[in-house]
Amino acid sequence: MERRDAYLPPPAREPAPVSRRALLRLGFTAGARADIDYDGATARVRATWEAGGSEALLRALEPVAEIAVELAGVRAGERVLDAGAGDGNVALACLRRGAGVDACDLAAAMVARGRERCPDARWTRADVQALPYADATFDVVISTFGAAL
């Protein structure tokens, strides 16, 4: 009799993308989606970051950048987009690895701070819901605390 494995592992497959809303089982009904004031929410987020006084929070979040960049496997020579970059925690971590970095944020104040902290990144004021980059421009896109509604 021919010898066979009693257990065959399931075929490998790509994991399906999962949104934070789906992961937390936070669905929207069609009516609820229509009632959301996306522009108002975006304006409030922008105003909060433009107001300043966020230095302590930005520095407290800084250690997460190294972990995110490590998990993303960023390597020297890669093109990286730091989306919702704040003042550049992830951008700095990517630059330290030798990657070329573009960084964008919704708030002009964060872009200005980012340009000061990490001038070697290319900074743009942009909303992550309408990014001004062509498809396939980047090898890696990271957003640690940026949010899209």
Foldseek 3Di string as FASTA:
>chain_A
DDDDDPDDDDDDDDDDDDDPCVVVVNDDDPVRVVVDPQVVVLVVVQVVLQVDPCVVVVVVCLVVLLVQCVVQVQAAAFEEEAEQQQLHSNVVNNVVRNYAYEYEHQYPVRQVNNCVVDVSHHYDHDDPVDDPDDPPPGPYYDYDPDDHD
